[in-house]
Amino acid sequence: MAGDLNAKHTNWNNEVNNQRGMLLVKWYNEIAPFCKTEIYASREPTFPKAGSYLDLCIADKRIIINNGLNYTYTEDYDSDHKAIIFEASLKNENTNIETNHHEPKILNYKKADWNQFQKTLSKNPIAISPHRNYSAQEIERFILELIKNITTALKEAAPTRQQQSLLDRYPNNKIDKEHSEKSKLITALNKTKRLFPANTRLISQLKSKKRR
């Protein structure tokens, strides 16, 4: 992934940090190791007017960027920013970058058994004493534990909703054209049905096959 993230940080040669830059560094320190990703900044400022490094590349660590260099190149184009250029290659031909194409399960909350939800949630009470002050880390741990318990209870109480077909969710020009042709054929069959009532059964069978 690469683009104008508008994230300033001294880690990639900016003079100051902005909020996006600090959030990105926080993500890099806490989350990126689990995602096996690396941030690559440019060798020169990508926004020359301010001398800022705003355009970044975030890539899988198993991908080699610019033959192992830890920066990207820049090039002028029709913009006030410079384009970042990099060459990506796998470490070797046997490197396998796995991708997960499984879509998350969608729960049907309208049909959830809320009595079951309450029962499951009550099995894992969180021991919080009203007689002491907790640190920020302890409160955060309680919140994470509560979120985990709620998620578990919801999975047991709510059934899985049938997922929409990917083809229906992302129509393209070819699919739209097929739908249009299908509608025209069904319209023509309806007209034929009115003109030739004796062939009603045959026309109904043809319409049924076309809808599949």
Protein backbone atom coordinates (compact mmCIF):
# COMPACT_ATOMS: atom_id res chain seq x y z
CA MET A 1 0.00 0.00 0.00
CA ALA A 2 1.40 3.38 -0.94
CA GLY A 3 0.14 6.93 -1.14
CA ASP A 4 -0.14 10.37 0.40
CA LEU A 5 -0.78 9.46 4.05
CA ASN A 6 -0.12 13.05 5.21
CA ALA A 7 1.72 11.58 8.19
CA LYS A 8 4.69 13.58 9.48
CA HIS A 9 7.21 12.02 11.82
CA THR A 10 10.89 12.41 12.56
CA ASN A 11 11.26 8.65 11.98
CA TRP A 12 11.10 9.38 8.24
CA ASN A 13 13.05 12.65 8.27
CA ASN A 14 10.29 15.18 8.96
CA GLU A 15 11.26 18.07 11.24
CA VAL A 16 8.07 17.75 13.32
CA ASN A 17 5.44 15.13 14.13
CA ASN A 18 1.73 15.50 13.45
CA GLN A 19 -1.12 13.43 14.87
CA ARG A 20 -1.29 11.09 11.88
CA GLY A 21 2.43 10.49 12.06
CA MET A 22 2.32 9.69 15.77
CA LEU A 23 -0.64 7.34 15.27
CA LEU A 24 1.17 5.60 12.41
CA VAL A 25 4.28 5.11 14.55
CA LYS A 26 2.12 3.77 17.37
CA TRP A 27 0.56 1.31 14.91
CA TYR A 28 4.03 0.39 13.62
CA ASN A 29 5.34 -0.34 17.12
CA GLU A 30 2.31 -2.23 18.42
CA ILE A 31 0.55 -3.83 15.43
CA ALA A 32 2.93 -3.98 12.48
CA PRO A 33 5.09 -6.79 13.98
CA PHE A 34 2.04 -9.07 14.01
CA CYS A 35 1.16 -8.08 10.43
CA LYS A 36 4.77 -8.55 9.25
CA THR A 37 4.80 -5.11 7.63
CA GLU A 38 7.37 -2.36 7.20
CA ILE A 39 7.08 1.37 6.50
CA TYR A 40 9.24 2.75 3.68
CA ALA A 41 9.73 6.51 3.33
CA SER A 42 11.26 8.36 0.39
CA ARG A 43 14.87 9.43 0.12
CA GLU A 44 13.81 13.01 -0.71
CA PRO A 45 10.80 15.09 0.42
CA THR A 46 7.64 14.24 -1.49
CA PHE A 47 6.14 17.66 -0.80
CA PRO A 48 9.06 19.91 -1.76
CA LYS A 49 7.33 23.23 -0.94
CA ALA A 50 7.36 22.38 2.76
CA GLY A 51 10.25 19.93 2.69
CA SER A 52 7.91 17.24 4.05
CA TYR A 53 7.91 13.47 3.69
CA LEU A 54 4.20 12.70 3.35
CA ASP A 55 4.03 9.87 0.81
CA LEU A 56 4.83 6.47 2.26
CA CYS A 57 4.83 2.80 1.32
CA ILE A 58 3.64 0.08 3.71
CA ALA A 59 4.63 -3.38 2.50
CA ASP A 60 4.89 -6.96 3.64
CA LYS A 61 8.32 -7.66 5.15
CA ARG A 62 8.64 -10.73 2.94
CA ILE A 63 8.73 -8.41 -0.07
CA ILE A 64 12.03 -6.80 -1.02
CA ILE A 65 11.74 -3.08 -1.79
CA ASN A 66 14.33 -1.54 -4.14
CA ASN A 67 16.79 -4.43 -3.79
CA GLY A 68 16.85 -4.24 -0.01
CA LEU A 69 17.12 -0.45 0.44
CA ASN A 70 15.05 1.05 3.24
CA TYR A 71 13.68 3.95 1.19
CA THR A 72 11.78 4.73 -2.02
CA TYR A 73 12.78 7.02 -4.89
CA THR A 74 10.85 10.10 -6.04
CA GLU A 75 9.97 11.54 -9.43
CA ASP A 76 8.27 14.74 -10.57
CA TYR A 77 4.86 14.58 -12.20
CA ASP A 78 1.79 16.79 -12.64
CA SER A 79 1.22 17.46 -8.93
CA ASP A 80 2.55 19.54 -6.06
CA HIS A 81 3.74 16.20 -4.62
CA LYS A 82 6.43 13.98 -6.03
CA ALA A 83 5.56 10.41 -6.96
CA ILE A 84 7.26 7.64 -5.02
CA ILE A 85 8.85 4.86 -7.04
CA PHE A 86 9.91 1.45 -5.82
CA GLU A 87 10.54 -2.02 -7.16
CA ALA A 88 8.99 -4.93 -5.27
CA SER A 89 10.17 -8.51 -5.48
CA LEU A 90 9.91 -11.69 -3.42
CA LYS A 91 12.94 -12.90 -1.46
CA ASN A 92 12.94 -16.11 -3.47
CA GLU A 93 10.67 -18.02 -5.82
CA ASN A 94 9.41 -20.24 -3.00
CA THR A 95 8.23 -17.35 -0.80
CA ASN A 96 4.55 -17.85 -0.13
CA ILE A 97 2.52 -14.88 1.05
CA GLU A 98 -0.72 -16.34 2.33
CA THR A 99 -3.92 -14.39 2.00
CA ASN A 100 -7.17 -15.06 3.78
CA HIS A 101 -10.18 -14.80 1.51
CA HIS A 102 -12.67 -16.03 4.09
CA GLU A 103 -15.25 -13.40 4.86
CA PRO A 104 -16.17 -12.84 8.51
CA LYS A 105 -19.42 -14.37 9.72
CA ILE A 106 -22.30 -11.94 10.02
CA LEU A 107 -24.56 -12.41 13.03
CA ASN A 108 -28.31 -11.89 12.81
CA TYR A 109 -29.01 -9.82 15.92
CA LYS A 110 -32.76 -9.65 15.16
CA LYS A 111 -33.03 -13.38 15.85
CA ALA A 112 -30.65 -13.43 18.81
CA ASP A 113 -31.65 -15.24 21.99
CA TRP A 114 -30.98 -12.47 24.49
CA ASN A 115 -31.76 -14.72 27.46
CA GLN A 116 -28.97 -17.02 26.26
CA PHE A 117 -26.75 -13.97 25.80
CA GLN A 118 -27.32 -12.89 29.41
CA LYS A 119 -26.79 -16.44 30.67
CA THR A 120 -23.49 -16.82 28.82
CA LEU A 121 -22.27 -13.40 29.88
CA SER A 122 -23.03 -14.09 33.55
CA LYS A 123 -20.82 -17.21 33.46
CA ASN A 124 -17.71 -15.02 33.16
CA PRO A 125 -18.08 -12.17 35.66
CA ILE A 126 -15.26 -9.63 35.91
CA ALA A 127 -14.04 -9.19 39.47
CA ILE A 128 -13.88 -5.43 40.01
CA SER A 129 -13.64 -4.13 43.55
CA PRO A 130 -15.50 -0.89 44.37
CA HIS A 131 -13.11 -0.25 47.26
CA ARG A 132 -9.93 0.56 45.33
CA ASN A 133 -8.67 2.78 42.54
CA TYR A 134 -7.39 0.98 39.46
CA SER A 135 -4.58 2.09 37.17
CA ALA A 136 -5.18 2.96 33.53
CA GLN A 137 -3.59 -0.35 32.46
CA GLU A 138 -5.90 -2.33 34.77
CA ILE A 139 -8.98 -0.49 33.48
CA GLU A 140 -7.90 -1.16 29.91
CA ARG A 141 -7.48 -4.85 30.76
CA PHE A 142 -11.00 -4.96 32.24
CA ILE A 143 -12.42 -3.34 29.09
CA LEU A 144 -10.66 -5.83 26.81
CA GLU A 145 -11.91 -8.72 28.94
CA LEU A 146 -15.46 -7.34 28.82
CA ILE A 147 -15.29 -6.99 25.02
CA LYS A 148 -14.07 -10.58 24.74
CA ASN A 149 -16.92 -11.86 26.96
CA ILE A 150 -19.55 -9.89 25.04
CA THR A 151 -18.22 -11.19 21.71
CA THR A 152 -18.33 -14.79 22.97
CA ALA A 153 -21.87 -14.37 24.31
CA LEU A 154 -23.08 -12.85 21.03
CA LYS A 155 -21.66 -15.71 18.98
CA GLU A 156 -23.58 -18.20 21.14
CA ALA A 157 -26.82 -16.21 21.20
CA ALA A 158 -27.14 -14.95 17.62
CA PRO A 159 -27.42 -17.17 14.52
CA THR A 160 -25.27 -16.55 11.48
CA ARG A 161 -26.89 -14.50 8.75
CA GLN A 162 -26.66 -15.72 5.17
CA GLN A 163 -24.02 -13.72 3.37
CA GLN A 164 -24.69 -11.89 0.16
CA SER A 165 -23.13 -13.23 -2.99
CA LEU A 166 -19.96 -11.43 -4.06
CA LEU A 167 -21.37 -11.16 -7.57
CA ASP A 168 -24.43 -9.35 -6.25
CA ARG A 169 -22.34 -7.09 -4.06
CA TYR A 170 -19.91 -6.06 -6.79
CA PRO A 171 -21.78 -5.84 -10.10
CA ASN A 172 -19.76 -4.98 -13.18
CA ASN A 173 -20.65 -3.89 -16.70
CA LYS A 174 -20.85 -7.46 -18.00
CA ILE A 175 -23.25 -8.53 -15.23
CA ASP A 176 -25.36 -5.38 -15.72
CA LYS A 177 -25.59 -6.15 -19.43
CA GLU A 178 -26.66 -9.75 -18.69
CA HIS A 179 -29.39 -8.48 -16.35
CA SER A 180 -30.58 -6.05 -19.04
CA GLU A 181 -30.72 -8.79 -21.70
CA LYS A 182 -32.56 -11.06 -19.27
CA SER A 183 -35.19 -8.37 -18.62
CA LYS A 184 -35.68 -7.84 -22.36
CA LEU A 185 -36.18 -11.59 -22.95
CA ILE A 186 -38.71 -11.89 -20.12
CA THR A 187 -40.61 -8.87 -21.50
CA ALA A 188 -40.66 -10.47 -24.96
CA LEU A 189 -41.91 -13.76 -23.48
CA ASN A 190 -44.72 -11.93 -21.67
CA LYS A 191 -45.82 -10.31 -24.94
CA THR A 192 -45.71 -13.69 -26.69
CA LYS A 193 -47.80 -15.19 -23.89
CA ARG A 194 -50.54 -12.62 -24.50
CA LEU A 195 -50.45 -13.17 -28.29
CA PHE A 196 -50.35 -16.98 -28.12
CA PRO A 197 -52.27 -18.14 -25.01
CA ALA A 198 -52.02 -21.78 -26.13
CA ASN A 199 -48.26 -21.75 -25.45
CA THR A 200 -48.61 -20.46 -21.88
CA ARG A 201 -47.08 -23.53 -20.27
CA LEU A 202 -44.03 -23.59 -22.58
CA ILE A 203 -43.43 -19.85 -22.10
CA SER A 204 -43.62 -20.21 -18.31
CA GLN A 205 -40.99 -22.97 -18.46
CA LEU A 206 -38.69 -20.76 -20.55
CA LYS A 207 -39.09 -17.84 -18.11
CA SER A 208 -38.30 -20.13 -15.19
CA LYS A 209 -35.08 -21.32 -16.84
CA LYS A 210 -34.05 -17.76 -17.68
CA ARG A 211 -34.39 -16.62 -14.06
CA ARG A 212 -31.86 -19.22 -12.85
